[in-house]
Amino acid sequence: MVAAGCDCAGGNDLKTVSPKLTVNSEALDFGDVAVNDLRILGLTIKNEGQLPLHITKFDLTPPQGEFLVDQRPMELAPSESVELILTYAPIDVGEDLGTLVVDSDDNKGAKTVQLKGRGVQGGLGLTHEGGSCMGAADSIDFGAVGLNMTADRKITIQSTGSAPI
C-alpha cells in the first residue's frame, strides 16, 4: 500500500508514505555447536515505513530440522520491530545450511537470510604403553613389581572428535 498527499501549509510537494521491511542481517552463522546441544541467535525485522506492513511470506528452509524460529509475525505497525529468536540444534555431525525468507506488501522484494551451523561431537581416545592384564582391553599390565618398587607406564589421552573436550 502506498499513499501520497500534499503539504497544505504552503508547499506543493507530494510526500509518499508506504511500509518498508528491513532485516538487520543477511546471514547468521551459528558456528560449531555440539550435537544434541543448541545455540540461539537473534534477528531483528522492522517496518521502517509510515504505514502498517503485512508479512506475506515467512519461510524457513528446510522446514523441519536443525534450524528453528520462535515466532512468525504477520503484521508490523509503522516503526515497529520484532526480535526473532533463531535456534540451531544439530542432530548429526557436519555443516547445515538453511534459509529464512521474509516478504511483505512493501513491493520491495523478499528479504533472505542465509543460515549456517556446524554440528560437532567430542570424542576421547586412550592409548597406553605395555600390555593388558590377561587380554582385557581396558587394563594395563604393570608386571611383577616388588615391595617398595615402582613401575611406570605412559598413558596418552587425545581428542578424537570434531569438538573440544
N, C-alpha and C. Protein backbone atom coordinates (compact mmCIF):
# COMPACT_ATOMS: atom_id res chain seq x y z
N MET A 1 0.84 -1.15 0.00
CA MET A 1 0.00 0.00 0.00
C MET A 1 0.89 1.23 0.00
N VAL A 2 0.60 2.18 -0.88
CA VAL A 2 1.32 3.44 -0.96
C VAL A 2 0.31 4.55 -0.96
N ALA A 3 0.62 5.62 -0.26
CA ALA A 3 -0.27 6.77 -0.21
C ALA A 3 0.54 8.03 -0.48
N ALA A 4 -0.10 9.04 -1.07
CA ALA A 4 0.56 10.32 -1.34
C ALA A 4 -0.38 11.43 -0.92
N GLY A 5 0.19 12.55 -0.53
CA GLY A 5 -0.62 13.70 -0.13
C GLY A 5 0.18 14.96 -0.31
N CYS A 6 -0.42 16.08 -0.11
CA CYS A 6 0.29 17.34 -0.30
C CYS A 6 0.48 18.01 1.05
N ASP A 7 1.44 18.94 1.07
CA ASP A 7 1.68 19.77 2.24
C ASP A 7 0.79 20.99 2.10
N CYS A 8 -0.32 20.95 2.77
CA CYS A 8 -1.32 22.02 2.64
C CYS A 8 -0.88 23.31 3.30
N ALA A 9 0.25 23.32 3.97
CA ALA A 9 0.72 24.52 4.66
C ALA A 9 1.55 25.40 3.74
N GLY A 10 1.47 25.19 2.49
CA GLY A 10 2.16 26.09 1.58
C GLY A 10 3.03 25.42 0.55
N GLY A 11 3.41 24.19 0.74
CA GLY A 11 4.25 23.51 -0.25
C GLY A 11 3.40 22.74 -1.23
N ASN A 12 3.97 22.47 -2.38
CA ASN A 12 3.26 21.73 -3.41
C ASN A 12 3.81 20.32 -3.59
N ASP A 13 4.82 19.97 -2.80
CA ASP A 13 5.46 18.67 -2.96
C ASP A 13 4.58 17.56 -2.41
N LEU A 14 4.55 16.45 -3.13
CA LEU A 14 3.84 15.27 -2.66
C LEU A 14 4.78 14.45 -1.78
N LYS A 15 4.23 13.89 -0.76
CA LYS A 15 5.00 13.03 0.12
C LYS A 15 4.44 11.62 0.00
N THR A 16 5.31 10.65 -0.32
CA THR A 16 4.90 9.27 -0.46
C THR A 16 5.12 8.56 0.87
N VAL A 17 4.09 7.86 1.33
CA VAL A 17 4.22 7.06 2.53
C VAL A 17 3.91 5.61 2.16
N SER A 18 4.67 4.71 2.76
CA SER A 18 4.49 3.29 2.45
C SER A 18 5.13 2.47 3.57
N PRO A 19 4.83 1.17 3.63
CA PRO A 19 5.55 0.30 4.57
C PRO A 19 6.93 -0.02 3.99
N LYS A 20 7.86 -0.41 4.85
CA LYS A 20 9.20 -0.78 4.37
C LYS A 20 9.81 -1.83 5.31
N LEU A 21 9.96 -3.06 4.80
CA LEU A 21 10.51 -4.17 5.58
C LEU A 21 12.03 -4.13 5.53
N THR A 22 12.67 -4.25 6.71
CA THR A 22 14.12 -4.39 6.78
C THR A 22 14.47 -5.53 7.73
N VAL A 23 15.62 -6.15 7.50
CA VAL A 23 16.18 -7.14 8.41
C VAL A 23 17.59 -6.68 8.75
N ASN A 24 18.06 -6.96 9.97
CA ASN A 24 19.35 -6.44 10.38
C ASN A 24 20.55 -7.28 9.96
N SER A 25 20.31 -8.41 9.26
CA SER A 25 21.43 -9.23 8.82
C SER A 25 21.00 -10.06 7.61
N GLU A 26 21.95 -10.28 6.70
CA GLU A 26 21.69 -11.14 5.55
C GLU A 26 22.17 -12.56 5.78
N ALA A 27 22.92 -12.78 6.88
CA ALA A 27 23.44 -14.11 7.17
C ALA A 27 23.64 -14.27 8.67
N LEU A 28 23.35 -15.46 9.18
CA LEU A 28 23.60 -15.81 10.58
C LEU A 28 24.45 -17.08 10.60
N ASP A 29 25.61 -17.00 11.23
CA ASP A 29 26.49 -18.15 11.36
C ASP A 29 26.51 -18.57 12.82
N PHE A 30 25.96 -19.73 13.11
CA PHE A 30 25.88 -20.25 14.46
C PHE A 30 27.19 -20.86 14.93
N GLY A 31 28.12 -21.07 14.00
CA GLY A 31 29.42 -21.65 14.35
C GLY A 31 29.32 -23.12 14.69
N ASP A 32 30.31 -23.61 15.45
CA ASP A 32 30.35 -25.01 15.87
C ASP A 32 29.46 -25.20 17.09
N VAL A 33 28.56 -26.17 17.00
CA VAL A 33 27.65 -26.48 18.10
C VAL A 33 27.66 -28.00 18.30
N ALA A 34 27.84 -28.43 19.53
CA ALA A 34 27.87 -29.86 19.82
C ALA A 34 26.53 -30.51 19.47
N VAL A 35 26.60 -31.70 18.90
CA VAL A 35 25.40 -32.47 18.58
C VAL A 35 24.57 -32.63 19.85
N ASN A 36 23.26 -32.47 19.71
CA ASN A 36 22.29 -32.54 20.80
C ASN A 36 22.37 -31.36 21.77
N ASP A 37 23.07 -30.30 21.38
CA ASP A 37 23.09 -29.05 22.13
C ASP A 37 22.42 -28.01 21.25
N LEU A 38 22.43 -26.75 21.62
CA LEU A 38 21.83 -25.72 20.78
C LEU A 38 22.52 -24.39 20.98
N ARG A 39 22.36 -23.51 20.00
CA ARG A 39 22.83 -22.13 20.08
C ARG A 39 21.70 -21.25 19.56
N ILE A 40 21.52 -20.10 20.21
CA ILE A 40 20.44 -19.17 19.88
C ILE A 40 21.03 -17.85 19.41
N LEU A 41 20.50 -17.33 18.30
CA LEU A 41 20.87 -16.01 17.79
C LEU A 41 19.61 -15.22 17.51
N GLY A 42 19.72 -13.90 17.57
CA GLY A 42 18.58 -13.02 17.31
C GLY A 42 18.67 -12.38 15.94
N LEU A 43 17.52 -12.07 15.38
CA LEU A 43 17.40 -11.38 14.11
C LEU A 43 16.26 -10.38 14.24
N THR A 44 16.53 -9.13 13.89
CA THR A 44 15.51 -8.10 14.01
C THR A 44 14.89 -7.81 12.65
N ILE A 45 13.56 -7.88 12.57
CA ILE A 45 12.86 -7.40 11.39
C ILE A 45 12.10 -6.15 11.81
N LYS A 46 12.02 -5.19 10.89
CA LYS A 46 11.43 -3.90 11.25
C LYS A 46 10.65 -3.32 10.08
N ASN A 47 9.60 -2.57 10.42
CA ASN A 47 8.87 -1.78 9.45
C ASN A 47 9.38 -0.35 9.58
N GLU A 48 10.21 0.08 8.65
CA GLU A 48 10.76 1.43 8.68
C GLU A 48 9.87 2.42 7.93
N GLY A 49 8.69 1.97 7.50
CA GLY A 49 7.76 2.82 6.76
C GLY A 49 6.77 3.52 7.66
N GLN A 50 5.85 4.24 7.01
CA GLN A 50 4.85 5.03 7.73
C GLN A 50 3.46 4.39 7.71
N LEU A 51 3.31 3.26 7.06
CA LEU A 51 2.04 2.54 7.02
C LEU A 51 2.23 1.14 7.58
N PRO A 52 1.17 0.48 8.05
CA PRO A 52 1.30 -0.90 8.53
C PRO A 52 1.87 -1.82 7.45
N LEU A 53 2.68 -2.78 7.88
CA LEU A 53 3.34 -3.73 6.99
C LEU A 53 2.74 -5.11 7.24
N HIS A 54 2.32 -5.77 6.17
CA HIS A 54 1.75 -7.13 6.26
C HIS A 54 2.77 -8.12 5.72
N ILE A 55 3.11 -9.11 6.54
CA ILE A 55 4.03 -10.16 6.11
C ILE A 55 3.25 -11.13 5.22
N THR A 56 3.71 -11.30 3.99
CA THR A 56 3.01 -12.16 3.04
C THR A 56 3.70 -13.52 2.87
N LYS A 57 4.97 -13.61 3.30
CA LYS A 57 5.71 -14.87 3.18
C LYS A 57 6.70 -14.94 4.33
N PHE A 58 6.74 -16.10 4.98
CA PHE A 58 7.68 -16.34 6.07
C PHE A 58 8.06 -17.80 6.00
N ASP A 59 9.13 -18.10 5.27
CA ASP A 59 9.52 -19.49 5.02
C ASP A 59 10.89 -19.79 5.59
N LEU A 60 10.97 -20.87 6.35
CA LEU A 60 12.23 -21.37 6.87
C LEU A 60 12.52 -22.68 6.14
N THR A 61 13.67 -22.74 5.47
CA THR A 61 14.06 -23.91 4.70
C THR A 61 15.36 -24.47 5.27
N PRO A 62 15.48 -25.73 5.55
CA PRO A 62 14.43 -26.73 5.47
C PRO A 62 13.37 -26.48 6.54
N PRO A 63 12.11 -26.85 6.25
CA PRO A 63 11.01 -26.52 7.16
C PRO A 63 11.08 -27.25 8.50
N GLN A 64 11.65 -28.42 8.54
CA GLN A 64 11.82 -29.15 9.79
C GLN A 64 13.26 -29.61 9.85
N GLY A 65 13.89 -29.36 10.94
CA GLY A 65 15.28 -29.78 11.02
C GLY A 65 16.02 -29.04 12.11
N GLU A 66 17.27 -28.77 11.84
CA GLU A 66 18.14 -28.20 12.86
C GLU A 66 17.92 -26.71 13.13
N PHE A 67 17.32 -25.98 12.19
CA PHE A 67 17.05 -24.55 12.38
C PHE A 67 15.59 -24.35 12.76
N LEU A 68 15.36 -23.53 13.79
CA LEU A 68 14.00 -23.23 14.26
C LEU A 68 13.87 -21.73 14.48
N VAL A 69 12.65 -21.21 14.32
CA VAL A 69 12.37 -19.81 14.62
C VAL A 69 11.21 -19.76 15.61
N ASP A 70 11.28 -18.83 16.58
CA ASP A 70 10.32 -18.83 17.68
C ASP A 70 8.95 -18.28 17.32
N GLN A 71 8.87 -17.36 16.38
CA GLN A 71 7.58 -16.76 16.04
C GLN A 71 7.55 -16.36 14.57
N ARG A 72 6.36 -16.15 14.08
CA ARG A 72 6.17 -15.73 12.68
C ARG A 72 5.19 -14.57 12.67
N PRO A 73 5.70 -13.35 12.84
CA PRO A 73 4.79 -12.19 12.88
C PRO A 73 4.08 -12.01 11.54
N MET A 74 2.86 -11.54 11.60
CA MET A 74 2.07 -11.35 10.38
C MET A 74 1.90 -9.88 10.02
N GLU A 75 2.10 -8.98 10.99
CA GLU A 75 1.93 -7.55 10.72
C GLU A 75 2.82 -6.75 11.65
N LEU A 76 3.37 -5.65 11.11
CA LEU A 76 4.16 -4.73 11.91
C LEU A 76 3.60 -3.31 11.72
N ALA A 77 3.40 -2.63 12.82
CA ALA A 77 2.94 -1.24 12.77
C ALA A 77 4.09 -0.36 12.27
N PRO A 78 3.81 0.87 11.85
CA PRO A 78 4.90 1.78 11.45
C PRO A 78 5.95 1.90 12.56
N SER A 79 7.21 1.79 12.20
CA SER A 79 8.37 1.88 13.10
C SER A 79 8.47 0.72 14.10
N GLU A 80 7.62 -0.29 14.00
CA GLU A 80 7.68 -1.43 14.92
C GLU A 80 8.76 -2.41 14.47
N SER A 81 9.46 -2.97 15.45
CA SER A 81 10.44 -4.01 15.16
C SER A 81 10.16 -5.22 16.04
N VAL A 82 10.57 -6.39 15.56
CA VAL A 82 10.39 -7.64 16.29
C VAL A 82 11.72 -8.37 16.28
N GLU A 83 12.13 -8.84 17.46
CA GLU A 83 13.34 -9.64 17.59
C GLU A 83 12.95 -11.11 17.46
N LEU A 84 13.36 -11.73 16.37
CA LEU A 84 13.12 -13.16 16.18
C LEU A 84 14.24 -13.94 16.86
N ILE A 85 13.91 -15.02 17.49
CA ILE A 85 14.89 -15.90 18.11
C ILE A 85 15.04 -17.13 17.22
N LEU A 86 16.23 -17.29 16.65
CA LEU A 86 16.51 -18.46 15.81
C LEU A 86 17.41 -19.40 16.59
N THR A 87 17.09 -20.69 16.49
CA THR A 87 17.81 -21.72 17.22
C THR A 87 18.42 -22.70 16.24
N TYR A 88 19.67 -23.08 16.50
CA TYR A 88 20.33 -24.14 15.74
C TYR A 88 20.62 -25.27 16.72
N ALA A 89 20.06 -26.45 16.44
CA ALA A 89 20.23 -27.63 17.29
C ALA A 89 20.61 -28.81 16.39
N PRO A 90 21.92 -29.02 16.16
CA PRO A 90 22.33 -30.10 15.25
C PRO A 90 22.01 -31.48 15.80
N ILE A 91 21.59 -32.34 14.89
CA ILE A 91 21.29 -33.72 15.27
C ILE A 91 22.36 -34.70 14.77
N ASP A 92 23.31 -34.17 13.97
CA ASP A 92 24.40 -35.00 13.50
C ASP A 92 25.61 -34.12 13.23
N VAL A 93 26.74 -34.77 12.99
CA VAL A 93 27.99 -34.07 12.72
C VAL A 93 28.01 -33.57 11.29
N GLY A 94 28.45 -32.33 11.08
CA GLY A 94 28.61 -31.78 9.74
C GLY A 94 27.95 -30.43 9.61
N GLU A 95 28.18 -29.81 8.45
CA GLU A 95 27.65 -28.48 8.18
C GLU A 95 26.17 -28.55 7.80
N ASP A 96 25.40 -27.61 8.32
CA ASP A 96 23.99 -27.48 7.99
C ASP A 96 23.75 -26.08 7.44
N LEU A 97 22.96 -26.01 6.38
CA LEU A 97 22.63 -24.73 5.76
C LEU A 97 21.11 -24.58 5.73
N GLY A 98 20.66 -23.37 5.90
CA GLY A 98 19.24 -23.08 5.85
C GLY A 98 19.01 -21.68 5.30
N THR A 99 17.75 -21.34 5.08
CA THR A 99 17.38 -20.04 4.55
C THR A 99 16.08 -19.60 5.21
N LEU A 100 16.05 -18.34 5.62
CA LEU A 100 14.83 -17.71 6.10
C LEU A 100 14.46 -16.65 5.07
N VAL A 101 13.25 -16.74 4.52
CA VAL A 101 12.77 -15.78 3.53
C VAL A 101 11.54 -15.07 4.11
N VAL A 102 11.61 -13.73 4.15
CA VAL A 102 10.50 -12.92 4.65
C VAL A 102 10.13 -11.93 3.55
N ASP A 103 8.86 -11.90 3.20
CA ASP A 103 8.37 -10.95 2.20
C ASP A 103 7.15 -10.24 2.76
N SER A 104 6.84 -9.10 2.16
CA SER A 104 5.74 -8.29 2.68
C SER A 104 5.06 -7.54 1.53
N ASP A 105 4.10 -6.72 1.92
CA ASP A 105 3.38 -5.92 0.93
C ASP A 105 4.06 -4.58 0.64
N ASP A 106 5.36 -4.45 0.92
CA ASP A 106 6.06 -3.19 0.61
C ASP A 106 6.53 -3.11 -0.83
N ASN A 107 6.36 -4.20 -1.60
CA ASN A 107 6.72 -4.27 -3.02
C ASN A 107 8.21 -3.99 -3.27
N LYS A 108 9.03 -4.33 -2.32
CA LYS A 108 10.48 -4.12 -2.47
C LYS A 108 11.22 -5.45 -2.56
N GLY A 109 10.50 -6.55 -2.64
CA GLY A 109 11.12 -7.86 -2.77
C GLY A 109 11.36 -8.53 -1.43
N ALA A 110 11.52 -9.82 -1.50
CA ALA A 110 11.73 -10.63 -0.30
C ALA A 110 13.12 -10.37 0.28
N LYS A 111 13.21 -10.51 1.59
CA LYS A 111 14.48 -10.43 2.31
C LYS A 111 14.89 -11.86 2.63
N THR A 112 16.12 -12.21 2.30
CA THR A 112 16.63 -13.56 2.51
C THR A 112 17.79 -13.53 3.50
N VAL A 113 17.72 -14.43 4.47
CA VAL A 113 18.78 -14.56 5.47
C VAL A 113 19.34 -15.97 5.37
N GLN A 114 20.64 -16.07 5.08
CA GLN A 114 21.30 -17.37 4.98
C GLN A 114 21.67 -17.84 6.39
N LEU A 115 21.39 -19.11 6.69
CA LEU A 115 21.67 -19.70 7.99
C LEU A 115 22.74 -20.78 7.84
N LYS A 116 23.67 -20.80 8.79
CA LYS A 116 24.76 -21.77 8.70
C LYS A 116 25.16 -22.21 10.10
N GLY A 117 25.44 -23.47 10.25
CA GLY A 117 25.94 -24.02 11.51
C GLY A 117 26.66 -25.32 11.23
N ARG A 118 27.47 -25.73 12.20
CA ARG A 118 28.20 -26.99 12.01
C ARG A 118 28.06 -27.81 13.28
N GLY A 119 27.47 -29.00 13.11
CA GLY A 119 27.35 -29.93 14.22
C GLY A 119 28.68 -30.61 14.46
N VAL A 120 29.13 -30.58 15.72
CA VAL A 120 30.40 -31.21 16.09
C VAL A 120 30.18 -32.15 17.27
N GLN A 121 31.09 -33.08 17.44
CA GLN A 121 30.95 -34.02 18.54
C GLN A 121 32.34 -34.33 19.09
N GLY A 122 32.44 -34.28 20.41
CA GLY A 122 33.70 -34.62 21.06
C GLY A 122 33.90 -36.12 21.12
N GLY A 123 35.13 -36.51 21.11
CA GLY A 123 35.48 -37.92 21.25
C GLY A 123 36.77 -38.02 22.02
N LEU A 124 36.96 -39.11 22.69
CA LEU A 124 38.13 -39.30 23.53
C LEU A 124 38.80 -40.61 23.18
N GLY A 125 40.11 -40.54 22.94
CA GLY A 125 40.88 -41.74 22.67
C GLY A 125 41.90 -41.97 23.77
N LEU A 126 42.15 -43.19 24.12
CA LEU A 126 43.07 -43.52 25.19
C LEU A 126 43.98 -44.64 24.71
N THR A 127 45.29 -44.41 24.82
CA THR A 127 46.26 -45.46 24.49
C THR A 127 47.26 -45.54 25.63
N HIS A 128 47.95 -46.68 25.73
CA HIS A 128 48.96 -46.83 26.78
C HIS A 128 50.05 -47.75 26.29
N GLU A 129 51.19 -47.59 26.92
CA GLU A 129 52.31 -48.49 26.60
C GLU A 129 52.21 -49.72 27.49
N GLY A 130 52.74 -50.77 27.03
CA GLY A 130 52.69 -52.01 27.80
C GLY A 130 51.48 -52.84 27.43
N GLY A 131 51.44 -54.01 27.94
CA GLY A 131 50.38 -54.94 27.61
C GLY A 131 49.16 -54.78 28.50
N SER A 132 48.20 -55.62 28.25
CA SER A 132 46.97 -55.63 29.03
C SER A 132 46.99 -56.80 30.00
N CYS A 133 46.21 -56.68 31.05
CA CYS A 133 46.11 -57.77 32.03
C CYS A 133 45.23 -58.88 31.47
N MET A 134 45.79 -60.00 31.24
CA MET A 134 45.07 -61.18 30.76
C MET A 134 44.20 -60.89 29.55
N GLY A 135 44.67 -59.99 28.68
CA GLY A 135 43.96 -59.69 27.44
C GLY A 135 42.78 -58.73 27.57
N ALA A 136 42.52 -58.18 28.77
CA ALA A 136 41.42 -57.23 28.96
C ALA A 136 41.83 -55.89 28.36
N ALA A 137 41.06 -55.42 27.38
CA ALA A 137 41.41 -54.22 26.63
C ALA A 137 41.45 -52.95 27.48
N ASP A 138 40.70 -52.91 28.55
CA ASP A 138 40.63 -51.69 29.37
C ASP A 138 41.51 -51.79 30.62
N SER A 139 42.67 -52.44 30.47
CA SER A 139 43.56 -52.61 31.61
C SER A 139 45.01 -52.40 31.19
N ILE A 140 45.90 -52.20 32.18
CA ILE A 140 47.33 -52.04 31.93
C ILE A 140 48.07 -53.05 32.82
N ASP A 141 48.96 -53.81 32.21
CA ASP A 141 49.76 -54.78 32.95
C ASP A 141 51.04 -54.10 33.41
N PHE A 142 51.24 -53.98 34.72
CA PHE A 142 52.45 -53.40 35.27
C PHE A 142 53.52 -54.46 35.55
N GLY A 143 53.19 -55.72 35.30
CA GLY A 143 54.15 -56.80 35.52
C GLY A 143 54.37 -57.06 37.00
N ALA A 144 55.38 -57.81 37.29
CA ALA A 144 55.70 -58.13 38.68
C ALA A 144 56.47 -56.94 39.27
N VAL A 145 55.92 -56.37 40.34
CA VAL A 145 56.54 -55.21 40.98
C VAL A 145 56.77 -55.60 42.44
N GLY A 146 58.02 -55.52 42.86
CA GLY A 146 58.36 -55.89 44.23
C GLY A 146 57.93 -54.82 45.23
N LEU A 147 57.95 -55.20 46.50
CA LEU A 147 57.59 -54.31 47.60
C LEU A 147 58.51 -53.09 47.58
N ASN A 148 57.92 -51.91 47.73
CA ASN A 148 58.63 -50.63 47.71
C ASN A 148 59.29 -50.33 46.37
N MET A 149 58.83 -50.93 45.32
CA MET A 149 59.33 -50.69 43.96
C MET A 149 58.22 -49.99 43.17
N THR A 150 58.58 -49.40 42.05
CA THR A 150 57.58 -48.75 41.20
C THR A 150 57.69 -49.28 39.78
N ALA A 151 56.61 -49.14 39.07
CA ALA A 151 56.58 -49.45 37.63
C ALA A 151 55.82 -48.33 36.94
N ASP A 152 56.40 -47.78 35.90
CA ASP A 152 55.78 -46.66 35.19
C ASP A 152 55.25 -47.13 33.83
N ARG A 153 54.12 -46.60 33.48
CA ARG A 153 53.55 -46.82 32.15
C ARG A 153 53.03 -45.48 31.66
N LYS A 154 53.18 -45.23 30.40
CA LYS A 154 52.71 -43.97 29.80
C LYS A 154 51.30 -44.17 29.27
N ILE A 155 50.38 -43.25 29.65
CA ILE A 155 49.01 -43.25 29.16
C ILE A 155 48.81 -41.97 28.35
N THR A 156 48.26 -42.08 27.16
CA THR A 156 48.01 -40.91 26.29
C THR A 156 46.52 -40.76 26.08
N ILE A 157 46.02 -39.57 26.38
CA ILE A 157 44.62 -39.23 26.16
C ILE A 157 44.57 -38.18 25.05
N GLN A 158 43.73 -38.39 24.07
CA GLN A 158 43.64 -37.43 22.98
C GLN A 158 42.20 -37.22 22.54
N SER A 159 41.97 -36.03 21.99
CA SER A 159 40.66 -35.71 21.43
C SER A 159 40.57 -36.34 20.05
N THR A 160 39.50 -37.11 19.82
CA THR A 160 39.33 -37.77 18.53
C THR A 160 38.12 -37.25 17.77
N GLY A 161 37.37 -36.34 18.35
CA GLY A 161 36.17 -35.84 17.70
C GLY A 161 36.42 -34.49 17.03
N SER A 162 35.32 -33.84 16.63
CA SER A 162 35.41 -32.54 15.97
C SER A 162 35.06 -31.40 16.91
N ALA A 163 34.88 -31.70 18.20
CA ALA A 163 34.58 -30.66 19.19
C ALA A 163 35.58 -30.79 20.33
N PRO A 164 35.88 -29.66 20.98
CA PRO A 164 36.78 -29.73 22.13
C PRO A 164 36.15 -30.55 23.26
N ILE A 165 37.01 -31.13 24.07
CA ILE A 165 36.53 -31.86 25.25
C ILE A 165 37.18 -31.27 26.48
